[in-house]
Amino acid sequence: MQPDQRARRISYGFVARATMVVMGVWALAFALWLARDLIFIAFLAILFAIFLSLFVDPLSRWLPRTLAAILSLALLALVVGGFFYLYWPVLQAQFAMIQAEVPRLVRDLAAWAEAQL
């Protein structure tokens, strides 16, 4: 028999190992799926810590690191609060406009959906 015509023999051990690998990959994917919220929160916390370190590191030369972190958070809160204070009237008007337009858009969408069926 020619070497290229020989059938490859697959042992039970190979099948068992392949099955265990597939089951392990599935178990890992399932565990990651169950922990997706925790992973997302941890990812956001790491991003926030990296962003905050941009301000804390320079301030920690003159202040203790804890005080620099508190000062950075306070300044960040003031900036975000100031942003909302300045732009709240514009946002409120836009939200009112959206609230007024949503019923008409829902009616139009329902009529379009009925026309498609």
C-alpha atoms as a PDB file:
ATOM      1  CA  MET A   1       0.000   0.000   0.000  1.00  0.00           C
ATOM      2  CA  GLN A   2       1.276   3.456  -0.887  1.00  0.00           C
ATOM      3  CA  PRO A   3       2.005   5.907   2.013  1.00  0.00           C
ATOM      4  CA  ASP A   4      -0.568   8.393   0.732  1.00  0.00           C
ATOM      5  CA  GLN A   5      -3.288   5.729   0.518  1.00  0.00           C
ATOM      6  CA  ARG A   6      -2.965   4.548   4.103  1.00  0.00           C
ATOM      7  CA  ALA A   7      -5.809   5.555   6.352  1.00  0.00           C
ATOM      8  CA  ARG A   8      -4.866   7.506   9.419  1.00  0.00           C
ATOM      9  CA  ARG A   9      -5.805   5.743  12.564  1.00  0.00           C
ATOM     10  CA  ILE A  10      -7.385   7.849  15.245  1.00  0.00           C
ATOM     11  CA  SER A  11      -7.034   6.390  18.698  1.00  0.00           C
ATOM     12  CA  TYR A  12      -9.526   6.651  21.525  1.00  0.00           C
ATOM     13  CA  GLY A  13      -6.961   8.648  23.482  1.00  0.00           C
ATOM     14  CA  PHE A  14      -6.812  11.287  20.753  1.00  0.00           C
ATOM     15  CA  VAL A  15     -10.610  11.533  20.694  1.00  0.00           C
ATOM     16  CA  ALA A  16     -10.701  11.821  24.490  1.00  0.00           C
ATOM     17  CA  ARG A  17      -8.038  14.583  24.511  1.00  0.00           C
ATOM     18  CA  ALA A  18      -9.776  16.485  21.719  1.00  0.00           C
ATOM     19  CA  THR A  19     -13.093  16.209  23.574  1.00  0.00           C
ATOM     20  CA  MET A  20     -11.499  17.486  26.788  1.00  0.00           C
ATOM     21  CA  VAL A  21      -9.956  20.442  24.933  1.00  0.00           C
ATOM     22  CA  VAL A  22     -13.304  21.361  23.364  1.00  0.00           C
ATOM     23  CA  MET A  23     -15.062  21.034  26.725  1.00  0.00           C
ATOM     24  CA  GLY A  24     -12.367  23.172  28.385  1.00  0.00           C
ATOM     25  CA  VAL A  25     -12.674  25.907  25.766  1.00  0.00           C
ATOM     26  CA  TRP A  26     -16.447  25.818  26.141  1.00  0.00           C
ATOM     27  CA  ALA A  27     -16.191  26.007  29.968  1.00  0.00           C
ATOM     28  CA  LEU A  28     -13.795  28.967  29.727  1.00  0.00           C
ATOM     29  CA  ALA A  29     -16.094  30.771  27.286  1.00  0.00           C
ATOM     30  CA  PHE A  30     -19.093  30.070  29.534  1.00  0.00           C
ATOM     31  CA  ALA A  31     -17.268  31.345  32.638  1.00  0.00           C
ATOM     32  CA  LEU A  32     -16.237  34.515  30.797  1.00  0.00           C
ATOM     33  CA  TRP A  33     -19.836  34.983  29.656  1.00  0.00           C
ATOM     34  CA  LEU A  34     -21.099  34.679  33.233  1.00  0.00           C
ATOM     35  CA  ALA A  35     -18.471  37.146  34.467  1.00  0.00           C
ATOM     36  CA  ARG A  36     -18.951  39.645  31.635  1.00  0.00           C
ATOM     37  CA  ASP A  37     -20.391  42.361  33.886  1.00  0.00           C
ATOM     38  CA  LEU A  38     -17.540  42.050  36.358  1.00  0.00           C
ATOM     39  CA  ILE A  39     -14.978  42.045  33.555  1.00  0.00           C
ATOM     40  CA  PHE A  40     -16.565  45.164  32.036  1.00  0.00           C
ATOM     41  CA  ILE A  41     -16.543  47.000  35.377  1.00  0.00           C
ATOM     42  CA  ALA A  42     -12.912  45.999  35.987  1.00  0.00           C
ATOM     43  CA  PHE A  43     -11.974  47.212  32.510  1.00  0.00           C
ATOM     44  CA  LEU A  44     -13.649  50.583  33.100  1.00  0.00           C
ATOM     45  CA  ALA A  45     -11.971  50.868  36.510  1.00  0.00           C
ATOM     46  CA  ILE A  46      -8.568  50.277  34.930  1.00  0.00           C
ATOM     47  CA  LEU A  47      -9.267  52.892  32.258  1.00  0.00           C
ATOM     48  CA  PHE A  48     -10.403  55.385  34.904  1.00  0.00           C
ATOM     49  CA  ALA A  49      -7.301  54.706  37.020  1.00  0.00           C
ATOM     50  CA  ILE A  50      -5.041  55.260  34.026  1.00  0.00           C
ATOM     51  CA  PHE A  51      -6.832  58.508  33.198  1.00  0.00           C
ATOM     52  CA  LEU A  52      -6.686  59.668  36.808  1.00  0.00           C
ATOM     53  CA  SER A  53      -2.967  58.879  37.050  1.00  0.00           C
ATOM     54  CA  LEU A  54      -2.340  61.511  34.366  1.00  0.00           C
ATOM     55  CA  PHE A  55      -3.329  64.146  36.946  1.00  0.00           C
ATOM     56  CA  VAL A  56      -2.235  62.434  40.156  1.00  0.00           C
ATOM     57  CA  ASP A  57       1.370  61.744  39.130  1.00  0.00           C
ATOM     58  CA  PRO A  58       2.358  65.390  38.555  1.00  0.00           C
ATOM     59  CA  LEU A  59       0.527  66.525  41.695  1.00  0.00           C
ATOM     60  CA  SER A  60       2.171  63.834  43.823  1.00  0.00           C
ATOM     61  CA  ARG A  61       5.501  65.641  43.481  1.00  0.00           C
ATOM     62  CA  TRP A  62       4.226  68.403  45.781  1.00  0.00           C
ATOM     63  CA  LEU A  63       1.399  66.660  47.677  1.00  0.00           C
ATOM     64  CA  PRO A  64       0.913  63.221  49.228  1.00  0.00           C
ATOM     65  CA  ARG A  65      -0.484  60.799  46.652  1.00  0.00           C
ATOM     66  CA  THR A  66      -3.796  60.341  48.503  1.00  0.00           C
ATOM     67  CA  LEU A  67      -4.376  64.080  48.677  1.00  0.00           C
ATOM     68  CA  ALA A  68      -3.408  64.418  45.007  1.00  0.00           C
ATOM     69  CA  ALA A  69      -5.961  61.717  44.080  1.00  0.00           C
ATOM     70  CA  ILE A  70      -8.706  63.396  46.127  1.00  0.00           C
ATOM     71  CA  LEU A  71      -7.886  66.781  44.614  1.00  0.00           C
ATOM     72  CA  SER A  72      -7.898  65.316  41.096  1.00  0.00           C
ATOM     73  CA  LEU A  73     -11.287  63.659  41.666  1.00  0.00           C
ATOM     74  CA  ALA A  74     -12.716  66.872  43.091  1.00  0.00           C
ATOM     75  CA  LEU A  75     -11.488  68.892  40.114  1.00  0.00           C
ATOM     76  CA  LEU A  76     -12.859  66.295  37.714  1.00  0.00           C
ATOM     77  CA  ALA A  77     -16.240  66.423  39.483  1.00  0.00           C
ATOM     78  CA  LEU A  78     -16.214  70.226  39.291  1.00  0.00           C
ATOM     79  CA  VAL A  79     -15.420  70.174  35.575  1.00  0.00           C
ATOM     80  CA  VAL A  80     -18.165  67.649  34.814  1.00  0.00           C
ATOM     81  CA  GLY A  81     -20.615  69.508  37.064  1.00  0.00           C
ATOM     82  CA  GLY A  82     -19.712  72.815  35.406  1.00  0.00           C
ATOM     83  CA  PHE A  83     -20.251  71.274  31.991  1.00  0.00           C
ATOM     84  CA  PHE A  84     -23.743  70.136  32.946  1.00  0.00           C
ATOM     85  CA  TYR A  85     -24.478  73.480  34.621  1.00  0.00           C
ATOM     86  CA  LEU A  86     -23.559  75.380  31.455  1.00  0.00           C
ATOM     87  CA  TYR A  87     -25.222  73.076  28.945  1.00  0.00           C
ATOM     88  CA  TRP A  88     -28.259  71.918  30.914  1.00  0.00           C
ATOM     89  CA  PRO A  89     -30.695  74.450  29.340  1.00  0.00           C
ATOM     90  CA  VAL A  90     -29.694  73.305  25.844  1.00  0.00           C
ATOM     91  CA  LEU A  91     -29.923  69.628  26.806  1.00  0.00           C
ATOM     92  CA  GLN A  92     -33.270  70.165  28.488  1.00  0.00           C
ATOM     93  CA  ALA A  93     -34.692  71.811  25.358  1.00  0.00           C
ATOM     94  CA  GLN A  94     -33.409  68.989  23.182  1.00  0.00           C
ATOM     95  CA  PHE A  95     -34.846  66.335  25.515  1.00  0.00           C
ATOM     96  CA  ALA A  96     -38.211  68.116  25.428  1.00  0.00           C
ATOM     97  CA  MET A  97     -38.078  68.139  21.626  1.00  0.00           C
ATOM     98  CA  ILE A  98     -37.256  64.424  21.561  1.00  0.00           C
ATOM     99  CA  GLN A  99     -40.083  63.707  24.003  1.00  0.00           C
ATOM    100  CA  ALA A 100     -42.510  65.578  21.769  1.00  0.00           C
ATOM    101  CA  GLU A 101     -41.321  63.787  18.603  1.00  0.00           C
ATOM    102  CA  VAL A 102     -41.222  60.190  19.895  1.00  0.00           C
ATOM    103  CA  PRO A 103     -44.985  59.446  19.660  1.00  0.00           C
ATOM    104  CA  ARG A 104     -45.094  60.609  16.033  1.00  0.00           C
ATOM    105  CA  LEU A 105     -41.975  58.565  15.196  1.00  0.00           C
ATOM    106  CA  VAL A 106     -43.488  55.461  16.816  1.00  0.00           C
ATOM    107  CA  ARG A 107     -46.688  55.911  14.801  1.00  0.00           C
ATOM    108  CA  ASP A 108     -44.673  56.345  11.590  1.00  0.00           C
ATOM    109  CA  LEU A 109     -42.599  53.263  12.397  1.00  0.00           C
ATOM    110  CA  ALA A 110     -45.710  51.204  13.117  1.00  0.00           C
ATOM    111  CA  ALA A 111     -47.309  52.326   9.827  1.00  0.00           C
ATOM    112  CA  TRP A 112     -44.121  51.480   7.933  1.00  0.00           C
ATOM    113  CA  ALA A 113     -43.946  48.044   9.585  1.00  0.00           C
ATOM    114  CA  GLU A 114     -47.569  47.316   8.682  1.00  0.00           C
ATOM    115  CA  ALA A 115     -46.944  48.403   5.090  1.00  0.00           C
ATOM    116  CA  GLN A 116     -44.005  46.013   4.870  1.00  0.00           C
ATOM    117  CA  LEU A 117     -46.109  43.046   6.040  1.00  0.00           C
END
